[in-house]
Amino acid sequence: MLIAGNGDSIFRRLMAAIGRTDLADDPALAGNEGRVRRVQEIDEAIAAWTAERSVDEILAAMEKAKVPAGRIYSARDIAEDPHYAARG
């Protein structure tokens, strides 16, 4: 999975979606500079949440929260994807 939550408002929506309103509401994380300083903590929170869910569940939650996210394709996924095949 790739989840892009680095914009200020997107970060807040992402944290709310994963049940971490404590991080969403933390003034130190309101801007990118503060989030960069605590990136490990944020990544661990996201990883803990995603580890308990399927890719489809994660995608649905991110779509509902309007957080950009996508599936990372393996070589097999690419080979089996009709859109890739259509483009040769």
Protein backbone atom coordinates (compact mmCIF):
# COMPACT_ATOMS: atom_id res chain seq x y z
CA MET A 1 0.00 0.00 0.00
CA LEU A 2 0.97 3.54 -0.61
CA ILE A 3 -0.83 6.11 1.50
CA ALA A 4 -0.09 9.76 0.80
CA GLY A 5 -0.98 11.75 3.88
CA ASN A 6 1.64 14.47 3.88
CA GLY A 7 -0.53 17.53 3.19
CA ASP A 8 -1.78 19.23 6.35
CA SER A 9 -5.50 18.56 5.87
CA ILE A 10 -4.88 15.12 4.38
CA PHE A 11 -2.73 14.19 7.38
CA ARG A 12 -5.56 15.11 9.73
CA ARG A 13 -8.05 13.02 7.73
CA LEU A 14 -5.65 10.08 7.62
CA MET A 15 -5.06 10.13 11.36
CA ALA A 16 -8.79 10.39 12.04
CA ALA A 17 -9.44 7.47 9.67
CA ILE A 18 -6.98 5.24 11.52
CA GLY A 19 -8.33 6.22 14.92
CA ARG A 20 -5.38 8.40 15.90
CA THR A 21 -7.09 11.69 16.60
CA ASP A 22 -4.40 12.27 19.23
CA LEU A 23 -1.93 12.69 16.37
CA ALA A 24 -4.40 14.57 14.16
CA ASP A 25 -4.99 17.11 16.93
CA ASP A 26 -1.37 17.42 18.07
CA PRO A 27 -0.29 21.04 17.38
CA ALA A 28 3.30 19.87 16.88
CA LEU A 29 2.12 17.84 13.87
CA ALA A 30 0.01 20.55 12.26
CA GLY A 31 2.70 21.28 9.68
CA ASN A 32 5.04 19.16 7.61
CA GLU A 33 8.12 20.28 9.56
CA GLY A 34 6.75 18.81 12.79
CA ARG A 35 5.67 15.61 11.06
CA VAL A 36 9.12 15.13 9.57
CA ARG A 37 10.61 15.27 13.07
CA ARG A 38 8.21 12.51 14.20
CA VAL A 39 8.01 10.47 11.02
CA GLN A 40 8.89 7.19 12.75
CA GLU A 41 6.04 7.59 15.24
CA ILE A 42 3.59 8.41 12.45
CA ASP A 43 4.78 5.54 10.25
CA GLU A 44 4.43 3.13 13.17
CA ALA A 45 0.85 4.29 13.81
CA ILE A 46 -0.06 3.78 10.16
CA ALA A 47 1.72 0.42 10.02
CA ALA A 48 -0.08 -0.84 13.13
CA TRP A 49 -3.44 0.10 11.65
CA THR A 50 -2.75 -1.33 8.20
CA ALA A 51 -1.35 -4.60 9.60
CA GLU A 52 -4.80 -5.47 10.93
CA ARG A 53 -6.66 -4.88 7.65
CA SER A 54 -6.82 -6.20 4.12
CA VAL A 55 -5.74 -4.07 1.19
CA ASP A 56 -9.37 -3.70 0.14
CA GLU A 57 -10.37 -2.52 3.64
CA ILE A 58 -7.54 0.00 3.67
CA LEU A 59 -8.43 1.32 0.23
CA ALA A 60 -12.10 1.68 1.20
CA ALA A 61 -11.21 3.55 4.39
CA MET A 62 -8.84 5.88 2.57
CA GLU A 63 -11.38 6.56 -0.16
CA LYS A 64 -14.01 7.37 2.46
CA ALA A 65 -11.56 9.72 4.23
CA LYS A 66 -10.46 11.25 0.91
CA VAL A 67 -6.84 10.28 1.51
CA PRO A 68 -4.82 9.36 -1.60
CA ALA A 69 -3.86 5.69 -1.48
CA GLY A 70 -3.13 2.89 -3.88
CA ARG A 71 -2.14 -0.69 -4.17
CA ILE A 72 1.51 -1.38 -4.94
CA TYR A 73 1.69 -3.92 -7.72
CA SER A 74 3.99 -6.88 -7.71
CA ALA A 75 5.39 -8.17 -11.02
CA ARG A 76 2.63 -10.78 -11.00
CA ASP A 77 -0.04 -8.13 -10.44
CA ILE A 78 1.29 -6.20 -13.43
CA ALA A 79 1.36 -9.29 -15.63
CA GLU A 80 -2.25 -10.13 -14.73
CA ASP A 81 -3.66 -6.60 -14.95
CA PRO A 82 -5.82 -6.11 -18.06
CA HIS A 83 -4.95 -2.40 -18.22
CA TYR A 84 -1.23 -3.16 -18.46
CA ALA A 85 -1.92 -5.85 -21.05
CA ALA A 86 -4.02 -3.47 -23.15
CA ARG A 87 -1.11 -1.05 -23.29
CA GLY A 88 1.38 -3.71 -24.32
